[in-house]
Amino acid sequence: MFKQTEEQQQLPSCHEIEADVRRELLATEGVTVKSLVVRRLDNGVCLQGVIRFDGAEFDLGDSIRRIPGIDRILNHMVICN
């Protein structure tokens, strides 16, 4: 049987991280999430999907790195204006 380490047990679940990422994106003015898939990586996430941004400047990495436990982002998002 597979046993998680104490460190792994303290990590948020994939569903919690996906909800946090979606919440962070939706809280960003001018961002509409069309589709989003979040996969957990060591110290970070892989993001896939499509978002629409109606604004002058947007840094996806800065927004997502505000979430505790996410230091690394593998970005496969398509951003439409």
PDB file of N, CA and C in Angstrom:
ATOM      1  N   MET A   1       0.838  -1.182   0.000  1.00  0.00           N
ATOM      2  CA  MET A   1       0.000   0.000   0.000  1.00  0.00           C
ATOM      3  C   MET A   1       0.883   1.246   0.000  1.00  0.00           C
ATOM      4  N   PHE A   2       0.469   2.251  -0.749  1.00  0.00           N
ATOM      5  CA  PHE A   2       1.213   3.503  -0.872  1.00  0.00           C
ATOM      6  C   PHE A   2       0.927   4.392   0.332  1.00  0.00           C
ATOM      7  N   LYS A   3       1.968   4.880   0.964  1.00  0.00           N
ATOM      8  CA  LYS A   3       1.826   5.800   2.091  1.00  0.00           C
ATOM      9  C   LYS A   3       2.385   7.159   1.712  1.00  0.00           C
ATOM     10  N   GLN A   4       1.633   8.194   2.019  1.00  0.00           N
ATOM     11  CA  GLN A   4       2.100   9.547   1.762  1.00  0.00           C
ATOM     12  C   GLN A   4       3.027   9.995   2.883  1.00  0.00           C
ATOM     13  N   THR A   5       4.021  10.796   2.496  1.00  0.00           N
ATOM     14  CA  THR A   5       4.889  11.393   3.504  1.00  0.00           C
ATOM     15  C   THR A   5       4.120  12.508   4.209  1.00  0.00           C
ATOM     16  N   GLU A   6       4.645  12.950   5.324  1.00  0.00           N
ATOM     17  CA  GLU A   6       3.999  14.042   6.060  1.00  0.00           C
ATOM     18  C   GLU A   6       3.916  15.298   5.199  1.00  0.00           C
ATOM     19  N   GLU A   7       4.973  15.556   4.426  1.00  0.00           N
ATOM     20  CA  GLU A   7       4.989  16.731   3.541  1.00  0.00           C
ATOM     21  C   GLU A   7       3.893  16.622   2.487  1.00  0.00           C
ATOM     22  N   GLN A   8       3.707  15.436   1.902  1.00  0.00           N
ATOM     23  CA  GLN A   8       2.676  15.242   0.888  1.00  0.00           C
ATOM     24  C   GLN A   8       1.286  15.410   1.488  1.00  0.00           C
ATOM     25  N   GLN A   9       1.098  14.980   2.729  1.00  0.00           N
ATOM     26  CA  GLN A   9      -0.200  15.096   3.376  1.00  0.00           C
ATOM     27  C   GLN A   9      -0.565  16.550   3.631  1.00  0.00           C
ATOM     28  N   GLN A  10       0.419  17.426   3.755  1.00  0.00           N
ATOM     29  CA  GLN A  10       0.163  18.836   4.028  1.00  0.00           C
ATOM     30  C   GLN A  10      -0.128  19.630   2.757  1.00  0.00           C
ATOM     31  N   LEU A  11       0.166  19.055   1.590  1.00  0.00           N
ATOM     32  CA  LEU A  11      -0.081  19.750   0.333  1.00  0.00           C
ATOM     33  C   LEU A  11      -1.573  19.791   0.038  1.00  0.00           C
ATOM     34  N   PRO A  12      -2.049  20.896  -0.547  1.00  0.00           N
ATOM     35  CA  PRO A  12      -3.454  20.948  -0.939  1.00  0.00           C
ATOM     36  C   PRO A  12      -3.727  19.934  -2.048  1.00  0.00           C
ATOM     37  N   SER A  13      -4.964  19.475  -2.129  1.00  0.00           N
ATOM     38  CA  SER A  13      -5.329  18.519  -3.171  1.00  0.00           C
ATOM     39  C   SER A  13      -5.356  19.214  -4.528  1.00  0.00           C
ATOM     40  N   CYS A  14      -5.352  18.415  -5.585  1.00  0.00           N
ATOM     41  CA  CYS A  14      -5.419  18.967  -6.948  1.00  0.00           C
ATOM     42  C   CYS A  14      -6.682  19.797  -7.127  1.00  0.00           C
ATOM     43  N   HIS A  15      -7.792  19.329  -6.560  1.00  0.00           N
ATOM     44  CA  HIS A  15      -9.055  20.056  -6.697  1.00  0.00           C
ATOM     45  C   HIS A  15      -9.004  21.400  -5.973  1.00  0.00           C
ATOM     46  N   GLU A  16      -8.353  21.431  -4.817  1.00  0.00           N
ATOM     47  CA  GLU A  16      -8.208  22.690  -4.083  1.00  0.00           C
ATOM     48  C   GLU A  16      -7.346  23.669  -4.864  1.00  0.00           C
ATOM     49  N   ILE A  17      -6.275  23.171  -5.449  1.00  0.00           N
ATOM     50  CA  ILE A  17      -5.391  24.037  -6.229  1.00  0.00           C
ATOM     51  C   ILE A  17      -6.109  24.556  -7.465  1.00  0.00           C
ATOM     52  N   GLU A  18      -6.842  23.681  -8.158  1.00  0.00           N
ATOM     53  CA  GLU A  18      -7.588  24.122  -9.341  1.00  0.00           C
ATOM     54  C   GLU A  18      -8.593  25.204  -8.956  1.00  0.00           C
ATOM     55  N   ALA A  19      -9.289  25.031  -7.844  1.00  0.00           N
ATOM     56  CA  ALA A  19     -10.248  26.040  -7.388  1.00  0.00           C
ATOM     57  C   ALA A  19      -9.533  27.348  -7.051  1.00  0.00           C
ATOM     58  N   ASP A  20      -8.374  27.269  -6.406  1.00  0.00           N
ATOM     59  CA  ASP A  20      -7.603  28.472  -6.072  1.00  0.00           C
ATOM     60  C   ASP A  20      -7.139  29.200  -7.329  1.00  0.00           C
ATOM     61  N   VAL A  21      -6.661  28.440  -8.330  1.00  0.00           N
ATOM     62  CA  VAL A  21      -6.203  29.043  -9.588  1.00  0.00           C
ATOM     63  C   VAL A  21      -7.374  29.718 -10.289  1.00  0.00           C
ATOM     64  N   ARG A  22      -8.496  29.022 -10.397  1.00  0.00           N
ATOM     65  CA  ARG A  22      -9.686  29.596 -11.048  1.00  0.00           C
ATOM     66  C   ARG A  22     -10.138  30.857 -10.308  1.00  0.00           C
ATOM     67  N   ARG A  23     -10.173  30.801  -8.979  1.00  0.00           N
ATOM     68  CA  ARG A  23     -10.586  31.951  -8.169  1.00  0.00           C
ATOM     69  C   ARG A  23      -9.656  33.144  -8.396  1.00  0.00           C
ATOM     70  N   GLU A  24      -8.348  32.882  -8.443  1.00  0.00           N
ATOM     71  CA  GLU A  24      -7.369  33.952  -8.656  1.00  0.00           C
ATOM     72  C   GLU A  24      -7.553  34.583 -10.036  1.00  0.00           C
ATOM     73  N   LEU A  25      -7.762  33.749 -11.053  1.00  0.00           N
ATOM     74  CA  LEU A  25      -7.962  34.283 -12.401  1.00  0.00           C
ATOM     75  C   LEU A  25      -9.247  35.100 -12.487  1.00  0.00           C
ATOM     76  N   LEU A  26     -10.327  34.596 -11.893  1.00  0.00           N
ATOM     77  CA  LEU A  26     -11.603  35.309 -11.944  1.00  0.00           C
ATOM     78  C   LEU A  26     -11.566  36.611 -11.150  1.00  0.00           C
ATOM     79  N   ALA A  27     -10.689  36.689 -10.154  1.00  0.00           N
ATOM     80  CA  ALA A  27     -10.556  37.916  -9.363  1.00  0.00           C
ATOM     81  C   ALA A  27      -9.761  38.987 -10.102  1.00  0.00           C
ATOM     82  N   THR A  28      -9.112  38.597 -11.198  1.00  0.00           N
ATOM     83  CA  THR A  28      -8.316  39.535 -11.982  1.00  0.00           C
ATOM     84  C   THR A  28      -9.232  40.286 -12.935  1.00  0.00           C
ATOM     85  N   GLU A  29      -9.224  41.597 -12.827  1.00  0.00           N
ATOM     86  CA  GLU A  29     -10.105  42.423 -13.650  1.00  0.00           C
ATOM     87  C   GLU A  29      -9.845  42.187 -15.132  1.00  0.00           C
ATOM     88  N   GLY A  30     -10.909  41.958 -15.889  1.00  0.00           N
ATOM     89  CA  GLY A  30     -10.807  41.784 -17.331  1.00  0.00           C
ATOM     90  C   GLY A  30     -10.542  40.366 -17.793  1.00  0.00           C
ATOM     91  N   VAL A  31     -10.430  39.402 -16.868  1.00  0.00           N
ATOM     92  CA  VAL A  31     -10.135  38.015 -17.246  1.00  0.00           C
ATOM     93  C   VAL A  31     -11.416  37.185 -17.238  1.00  0.00           C
ATOM     94  N   THR A  32     -11.633  36.433 -18.314  1.00  0.00           N
ATOM     95  CA  THR A  32     -12.719  35.468 -18.415  1.00  0.00           C
ATOM     96  C   THR A  32     -12.105  34.105 -18.678  1.00  0.00           C
ATOM     97  N   VAL A  33     -12.431  33.121 -17.851  1.00  0.00           N
ATOM     98  CA  VAL A  33     -11.906  31.769 -18.017  1.00  0.00           C
ATOM     99  C   VAL A  33     -12.839  31.001 -18.943  1.00  0.00           C
ATOM    100  N   LYS A  34     -12.330  30.620 -20.115  1.00  0.00           N
ATOM    101  CA  LYS A  34     -13.115  29.836 -21.075  1.00  0.00           C
ATOM    102  C   LYS A  34     -12.996  28.351 -20.770  1.00  0.00           C
ATOM    103  N   SER A  35     -11.783  27.882 -20.513  1.00  0.00           N
ATOM    104  CA  SER A  35     -11.546  26.492 -20.105  1.00  0.00           C
ATOM    105  C   SER A  35     -10.264  26.462 -19.288  1.00  0.00           C
ATOM    106  N   LEU A  36     -10.197  25.507 -18.360  1.00  0.00           N
ATOM    107  CA  LEU A  36      -9.032  25.440 -17.485  1.00  0.00           C
ATOM    108  C   LEU A  36      -8.833  24.020 -16.980  1.00  0.00           C
ATOM    109  N   VAL A  37      -7.610  23.520 -17.143  1.00  0.00           N
ATOM    110  CA  VAL A  37      -7.192  22.246 -16.562  1.00  0.00           C
ATOM    111  C   VAL A  37      -5.926  22.536 -15.768  1.00  0.00           C
ATOM    112  N   VAL A  38      -5.909  22.107 -14.517  1.00  0.00           N
ATOM    113  CA  VAL A  38      -4.761  22.329 -13.641  1.00  0.00           C
ATOM    114  C   VAL A  38      -4.227  20.972 -13.209  1.00  0.00           C
ATOM    115  N   ARG A  39      -2.948  20.762 -13.436  1.00  0.00           N
ATOM    116  CA  ARG A  39      -2.295  19.532 -12.989  1.00  0.00           C
ATOM    117  C   ARG A  39      -1.216  19.900 -11.979  1.00  0.00           C
ATOM    118  N   ARG A  40      -1.162  19.146 -10.904  1.00  0.00           N
ATOM    119  CA  ARG A  40      -0.182  19.389  -9.838  1.00  0.00           C
ATOM    120  C   ARG A  40       1.183  18.870 -10.246  1.00  0.00           C
ATOM    121  N   LEU A  41       2.220  19.686 -10.064  1.00  0.00           N
ATOM    122  CA  LEU A  41       3.615  19.311 -10.273  1.00  0.00           C
ATOM    123  C   LEU A  41       4.359  19.525  -8.960  1.00  0.00           C
ATOM    124  N   ASP A  42       5.578  19.017  -8.875  1.00  0.00           N
ATOM    125  CA  ASP A  42       6.399  19.318  -7.704  1.00  0.00           C
ATOM    126  C   ASP A  42       6.584  20.827  -7.609  1.00  0.00           C
ATOM    127  N   ASN A  43       6.181  21.420  -6.518  1.00  0.00           N
ATOM    128  CA  ASN A  43       6.315  22.864  -6.259  1.00  0.00           C
ATOM    129  C   ASN A  43       5.557  23.742  -7.240  1.00  0.00           C
ATOM    130  N   GLY A  44       4.576  23.201  -7.933  1.00  0.00           N
ATOM    131  CA  GLY A  44       3.863  24.047  -8.869  1.00  0.00           C
ATOM    132  C   GLY A  44       2.727  23.362  -9.586  1.00  0.00           C
ATOM    133  N   VAL A  45       2.368  23.953 -10.743  1.00  0.00           N
ATOM    134  CA  VAL A  45       1.235  23.471 -11.522  1.00  0.00           C
ATOM    135  C   VAL A  45       1.532  23.539 -13.014  1.00  0.00           C
ATOM    136  N   CYS A  46       0.807  22.732 -13.764  1.00  0.00           N
ATOM    137  CA  CYS A  46       0.759  22.831 -15.219  1.00  0.00           C
ATOM    138  C   CYS A  46      -0.636  23.337 -15.551  1.00  0.00           C
ATOM    139  N   LEU A  47      -0.714  24.420 -16.300  1.00  0.00           N
ATOM    140  CA  LEU A  47      -1.994  25.019 -16.668  1.00  0.00           C
ATOM    141  C   LEU A  47      -2.253  24.819 -18.151  1.00  0.00           C
ATOM    142  N   GLN A  48      -3.460  24.362 -18.479  1.00  0.00           N
ATOM    143  CA  GLN A  48      -3.884  24.231 -19.867  1.00  0.00           C
ATOM    144  C   GLN A  48      -5.275  24.823 -19.972  1.00  0.00           C
ATOM    145  N   GLY A  49      -5.532  25.517 -21.063  1.00  0.00           N
ATOM    146  CA  GLY A  49      -6.861  26.060 -21.265  1.00  0.00           C
ATOM    147  C   GLY A  49      -6.831  27.353 -22.048  1.00  0.00           C
ATOM    148  N   VAL A  50      -7.965  28.041 -21.995  1.00  0.00           N
ATOM    149  CA  VAL A  50      -8.130  29.289 -22.739  1.00  0.00           C
ATOM    150  C   VAL A  50      -8.732  30.332 -21.806  1.00  0.00           C
ATOM    151  N   ILE A  51      -8.108  31.505 -21.774  1.00  0.00           N
ATOM    152  CA  ILE A  51      -8.690  32.632 -21.059  1.00  0.00           C
ATOM    153  C   ILE A  51      -8.746  33.829 -22.001  1.00  0.00           C
ATOM    154  N   ARG A  52      -9.686  34.695 -21.715  1.00  0.00           N
ATOM    155  CA  ARG A  52      -9.816  35.936 -22.479  1.00  0.00           C
ATOM    156  C   ARG A  52      -9.428  37.067 -21.544  1.00  0.00           C
ATOM    157  N   PHE A  53      -8.641  37.993 -22.086  1.00  0.00           N
ATOM    158  CA  PHE A  53      -8.217  39.130 -21.283  1.00  0.00           C
ATOM    159  C   PHE A  53      -8.526  40.413 -22.019  1.00  0.00           C
ATOM    160  N   ASP A  54      -9.315  41.264 -21.391  1.00  0.00           N
ATOM    161  CA  ASP A  54      -9.666  42.570 -21.944  1.00  0.00           C
ATOM    162  C   ASP A  54      -8.962  43.640 -21.123  1.00  0.00           C
ATOM    163  N   GLY A  55      -7.717  43.877 -21.439  1.00  0.00           N
ATOM    164  CA  GLY A  55      -6.959  44.870 -20.697  1.00  0.00           C
ATOM    165  C   GLY A  55      -5.622  45.115 -21.357  1.00  0.00           C
ATOM    166  N   ALA A  56      -4.894  46.066 -20.807  1.00  0.00           N
ATOM    167  CA  ALA A  56      -3.630  46.465 -21.413  1.00  0.00           C
ATOM    168  C   ALA A  56      -2.492  45.515 -21.059  1.00  0.00           C
ATOM    169  N   GLU A  57      -2.476  45.014 -19.824  1.00  0.00           N
ATOM    170  CA  GLU A  57      -1.341  44.224 -19.378  1.00  0.00           C
ATOM    171  C   GLU A  57      -1.811  43.127 -18.433  1.00  0.00           C
ATOM    172  N   PHE A  58      -1.253  41.928 -18.615  1.00  0.00           N
ATOM    173  CA  PHE A  58      -1.629  40.806 -17.755  1.00  0.00           C
ATOM    174  C   PHE A  58      -0.472  39.821 -17.697  1.00  0.00           C
ATOM    175  N   ASP A  59      -0.066  39.456 -16.477  1.00  0.00           N
ATOM    176  CA  ASP A  59       0.988  38.459 -16.297  1.00  0.00           C
ATOM    177  C   ASP A  59       0.387  37.285 -15.539  1.00  0.00           C
ATOM    178  N   LEU A  60       0.129  36.211 -16.252  1.00  0.00           N
ATOM    179  CA  LEU A  60      -0.488  35.025 -15.673  1.00  0.00           C
ATOM    180  C   LEU A  60       0.340  34.489 -14.510  1.00  0.00           C
ATOM    181  N   GLY A  61       1.659  34.443 -14.688  1.00  0.00           N
ATOM    182  CA  GLY A  61       2.544  33.919 -13.650  1.00  0.00           C
ATOM    183  C   GLY A  61       2.446  34.690 -12.350  1.00  0.00           C
ATOM    184  N   ASP A  62       2.424  36.018 -12.434  1.00  0.00           N
ATOM    185  CA  ASP A  62       2.318  36.836 -11.223  1.00  0.00           C
ATOM    186  C   ASP A  62       1.021  36.545 -10.477  1.00  0.00           C
ATOM    187  N   SER A  63      -0.065  36.390 -11.220  1.00  0.00           N
ATOM    188  CA  SER A  63      -1.359  36.114 -10.591  1.00  0.00           C
ATOM    189  C   SER A  63      -1.361  34.770  -9.880  1.00  0.00           C
ATOM    190  N   ILE A  64      -0.853  33.744 -10.539  1.00  0.00           N
ATOM    191  CA  ILE A  64      -0.916  32.385 -10.000  1.00  0.00           C
ATOM    192  C   ILE A  64       0.095  32.180  -8.874  1.00  0.00           C
ATOM    193  N   ARG A  65       1.231  32.844  -8.939  1.00  0.00           N
ATOM    194  CA  ARG A  65       2.244  32.676  -7.884  1.00  0.00           C
ATOM    195  C   ARG A  65       1.807  33.264  -6.540  1.00  0.00           C
ATOM    196  N   ARG A  66       0.725  34.005  -6.520  1.00  0.00           N
ATOM    197  CA  ARG A  66       0.184  34.511  -5.249  1.00  0.00           C
ATOM    198  C   ARG A  66      -0.397  33.373  -4.405  1.00  0.00           C
ATOM    199  N   ILE A  67      -0.680  32.251  -5.043  1.00  0.00           N
ATOM    200  CA  ILE A  67      -1.283  31.111  -4.348  1.00  0.00           C
ATOM    201  C   ILE A  67      -0.188  30.370  -3.585  1.00  0.00           C
ATOM    202  N   PRO A  68      -0.366  30.163  -2.287  1.00  0.00           N
ATOM    203  CA  PRO A  68       0.654  29.465  -1.489  1.00  0.00           C
ATOM    204  C   PRO A  68       0.951  28.069  -2.043  1.00  0.00           C
ATOM    205  N   GLY A  69       2.237  27.732  -2.097  1.00  0.00           N
ATOM    206  CA  GLY A  69       2.656  26.408  -2.556  1.00  0.00           C
ATOM    207  C   GLY A  69       2.940  26.316  -4.036  1.00  0.00           C
ATOM    208  N   ILE A  70       2.674  27.389  -4.775  1.00  0.00           N
ATOM    209  CA  ILE A  70       2.940  27.376  -6.212  1.00  0.00           C
ATOM    210  C   ILE A  70       4.138  28.267  -6.490  1.00  0.00           C
ATOM    211  N   ASP A  71       5.253  27.632  -6.808  1.00  0.00           N
ATOM    212  CA  ASP A  71       6.472  28.358  -7.146  1.00  0.00           C
ATOM    213  C   ASP A  71       6.794  28.232  -8.626  1.00  0.00           C
ATOM    214  N   ARG A  72       6.311  27.164  -9.241  1.00  0.00           N
ATOM    215  CA  ARG A  72       6.657  26.885 -10.631  1.00  0.00           C
ATOM    216  C   ARG A  72       5.373  26.722 -11.438  1.00  0.00           C
ATOM    217  N   ILE A  73       5.355  27.316 -12.631  1.00  0.00           N
ATOM    218  CA  ILE A  73       4.182  27.236 -13.500  1.00  0.00           C
ATOM    219  C   ILE A  73       4.624  26.792 -14.886  1.00  0.00           C
ATOM    220  N   LEU A  74       4.043  25.710 -15.342  1.00  0.00           N
ATOM    221  CA  LEU A  74       4.213  25.268 -16.720  1.00  0.00           C
ATOM    222  C   LEU A  74       2.969  25.767 -17.445  1.00  0.00           C
ATOM    223  N   ASN A  75       3.141  26.795 -18.265  1.00  0.00           N
ATOM    224  CA  ASN A  75       2.017  27.525 -18.840  1.00  0.00           C
ATOM    225  C   ASN A  75       1.727  27.057 -20.264  1.00  0.00           C
ATOM    226  N   HIS A  76       0.592  26.384 -20.426  1.00  0.00           N
ATOM    227  CA  HIS A  76       0.112  25.982 -21.746  1.00  0.00           C
ATOM    228  C   HIS A  76      -1.238  26.651 -22.016  1.00  0.00           C
ATOM    229  N   MET A  77      -1.405  27.856 -21.473  1.00  0.00           N
ATOM    230  CA  MET A  77      -2.653  28.592 -21.649  1.00  0.00           C
ATOM    231  C   MET A  77      -2.617  29.386 -22.949  1.00  0.00           C
ATOM    232  N   VAL A  78      -3.788  29.511 -23.560  1.00  0.00           N
ATOM    233  CA  VAL A  78      -3.968  30.391 -24.707  1.00  0.00           C
ATOM    234  C   VAL A  78      -4.692  31.621 -24.173  1.00  0.00           C
ATOM    235  N   ILE A  79      -4.103  32.791 -24.400  1.00  0.00           N
ATOM    236  CA  ILE A  79      -4.705  34.036 -23.931  1.00  0.00           C
ATOM    237  C   ILE A  79      -5.198  34.815 -25.140  1.00  0.00           C
ATOM    238  N   CYS A  80      -6.508  35.048 -25.177  1.00  0.00           N
ATOM    239  CA  CYS A  80      -7.130  35.781 -26.281  1.00  0.00           C
ATOM    240  C   CYS A  80      -7.445  37.198 -25.824  1.00  0.00           C
ATOM    241  N   ASN A  81      -7.288  38.142 -26.735  1.00  0.00           N
ATOM    242  CA  ASN A  81      -7.654  39.538 -26.433  1.00  0.00           C
ATOM    243  C   ASN A  81      -8.955  39.861 -27.102  1.00  0.00           C
TER     244      ASN A  81
END
